[in-house]
Amino acid sequence: MSDWKDKLAAYQSHKVVRAAQVLDVEPAGRAEGPPGTALLRLTQPGMNEVFEADIDVGTFARGWPSPGDYIILYRDDYISWSPRTEFEDGYTRTPPSP
């Protein structure tokens, strides 16, 4: 029987997303914050600013990001995460909008 992975076509991304690098993850069940969310501490590589985001735990059904991975916000407000190497190999930072 053939491996199904051999039947997949190759695709190259051309979309623009918004993203930030994960510094730390505090899973659900903490005393503060909305129920069913995890607290992520985020930053932009090369920047000193640290900011926080409460993200629905359903985002992490396939696993939790590690420090250095990226949280990604797509144009339709879909939120996902990507391992650092995969993200950095696939995306180039764009200049900030004026």
Protein backbone atom coordinates (compact mmCIF):
# COMPACT_ATOMS: atom_id res chain seq x y z
CA MET A 1 0.00 0.00 0.00
CA SER A 2 1.28 3.46 -0.94
CA ASP A 3 2.04 6.02 1.74
CA TRP A 4 -0.58 8.79 1.61
CA LYS A 5 2.11 11.41 2.22
CA ASP A 6 3.62 10.61 -1.19
CA LYS A 7 0.33 11.68 -2.80
CA LEU A 8 0.31 15.20 -1.33
CA ALA A 9 0.97 18.10 -3.71
CA ALA A 10 3.51 20.81 -2.80
CA TYR A 11 2.25 24.34 -2.02
CA GLN A 12 4.13 27.58 -1.42
CA SER A 13 2.70 30.25 0.88
CA HIS A 14 2.10 33.76 -0.37
CA LYS A 15 -0.17 35.03 2.41
CA VAL A 16 0.58 37.76 4.93
CA VAL A 17 -0.01 36.92 8.60
CA ARG A 18 0.59 38.67 11.90
CA ALA A 19 2.74 36.84 14.42
CA ALA A 20 4.76 37.11 17.61
CA GLN A 21 7.34 34.91 19.25
CA VAL A 22 6.36 32.98 22.38
CA LEU A 23 8.41 33.69 25.50
CA ASP A 24 6.34 31.72 28.02
CA VAL A 25 3.07 29.81 28.30
CA GLU A 26 0.92 29.62 31.42
CA PRO A 27 -1.71 26.93 30.74
CA ALA A 28 -5.40 27.14 31.65
CA GLY A 29 -6.49 26.85 35.25
CA ARG A 30 -4.72 29.94 36.53
CA ALA A 31 -6.51 32.17 39.02
CA GLU A 32 -6.71 35.21 36.72
CA GLY A 33 -7.85 35.55 33.14
CA PRO A 34 -10.86 34.37 31.17
CA PRO A 35 -11.91 30.72 31.70
CA GLY A 36 -10.66 28.28 29.08
CA THR A 37 -7.69 30.40 28.08
CA ALA A 38 -3.94 30.15 28.44
CA LEU A 39 -1.75 33.18 29.07
CA LEU A 40 1.09 33.65 26.60
CA ARG A 41 3.89 36.13 27.02
CA LEU A 42 4.98 37.30 23.59
CA THR A 43 7.56 39.50 21.92
CA GLN A 44 8.90 40.47 18.53
CA PRO A 45 12.43 39.15 17.89
CA GLY A 46 14.96 41.90 18.41
CA MET A 47 12.54 44.04 20.43
CA ASN A 48 12.50 44.61 24.18
CA GLU A 49 8.70 44.86 24.50
CA VAL A 50 6.89 41.95 26.16
CA PHE A 51 3.12 41.71 25.89
CA GLU A 52 0.52 39.17 26.97
CA ALA A 53 -2.35 37.43 25.21
CA ASP A 54 -5.13 35.23 26.55
CA ILE A 55 -5.58 32.51 23.90
CA ASP A 56 -8.37 29.93 23.84
CA VAL A 57 -6.98 26.52 24.88
CA GLY A 58 -8.64 24.94 21.80
CA THR A 59 -5.86 26.57 19.79
CA PHE A 60 -3.47 24.10 21.41
CA ALA A 61 -5.41 20.87 20.76
CA ARG A 62 -2.44 19.46 18.81
CA GLY A 63 0.10 20.52 21.43
CA TRP A 64 1.53 23.50 23.26
CA PRO A 65 4.05 25.92 21.80
CA SER A 66 7.46 26.13 23.40
CA PRO A 67 9.45 29.30 24.05
CA GLY A 68 10.75 30.51 20.68
CA ASP A 69 7.76 29.22 18.70
CA TYR A 70 5.31 31.65 17.07
CA ILE A 71 1.65 32.53 17.60
CA ILE A 72 0.06 33.35 14.24
CA LEU A 73 -3.02 35.48 13.56
CA TYR A 74 -4.50 35.01 10.11
CA ARG A 75 -6.54 37.58 8.19
CA ASP A 76 -9.84 35.91 9.21
CA ASP A 77 -8.86 36.05 12.94
CA TYR A 78 -7.97 32.35 13.01
CA ILE A 79 -5.20 31.77 15.58
CA SER A 80 -2.61 29.03 15.34
CA TRP A 81 0.99 28.41 16.32
CA SER A 82 4.04 27.18 14.49
CA PRO A 83 7.37 25.74 15.59
CA ARG A 84 10.14 28.35 15.33
CA THR A 85 12.14 26.69 12.56
CA GLU A 86 9.09 26.08 10.35
CA PHE A 87 7.87 29.65 10.81
CA GLU A 88 11.23 31.30 10.21
CA ASP A 89 11.90 29.10 7.16
CA GLY A 90 8.53 30.05 5.66
CA TYR A 91 8.02 33.72 6.50
CA THR A 92 9.99 36.96 6.15
CA ARG A 93 9.08 39.92 8.30
CA THR A 94 7.53 42.80 6.38
CA PRO A 95 8.12 46.49 7.18
CA PRO A 96 5.57 48.05 9.55
CA SER A 97 2.63 49.81 7.91
CA PRO A 98 2.79 53.63 8.01
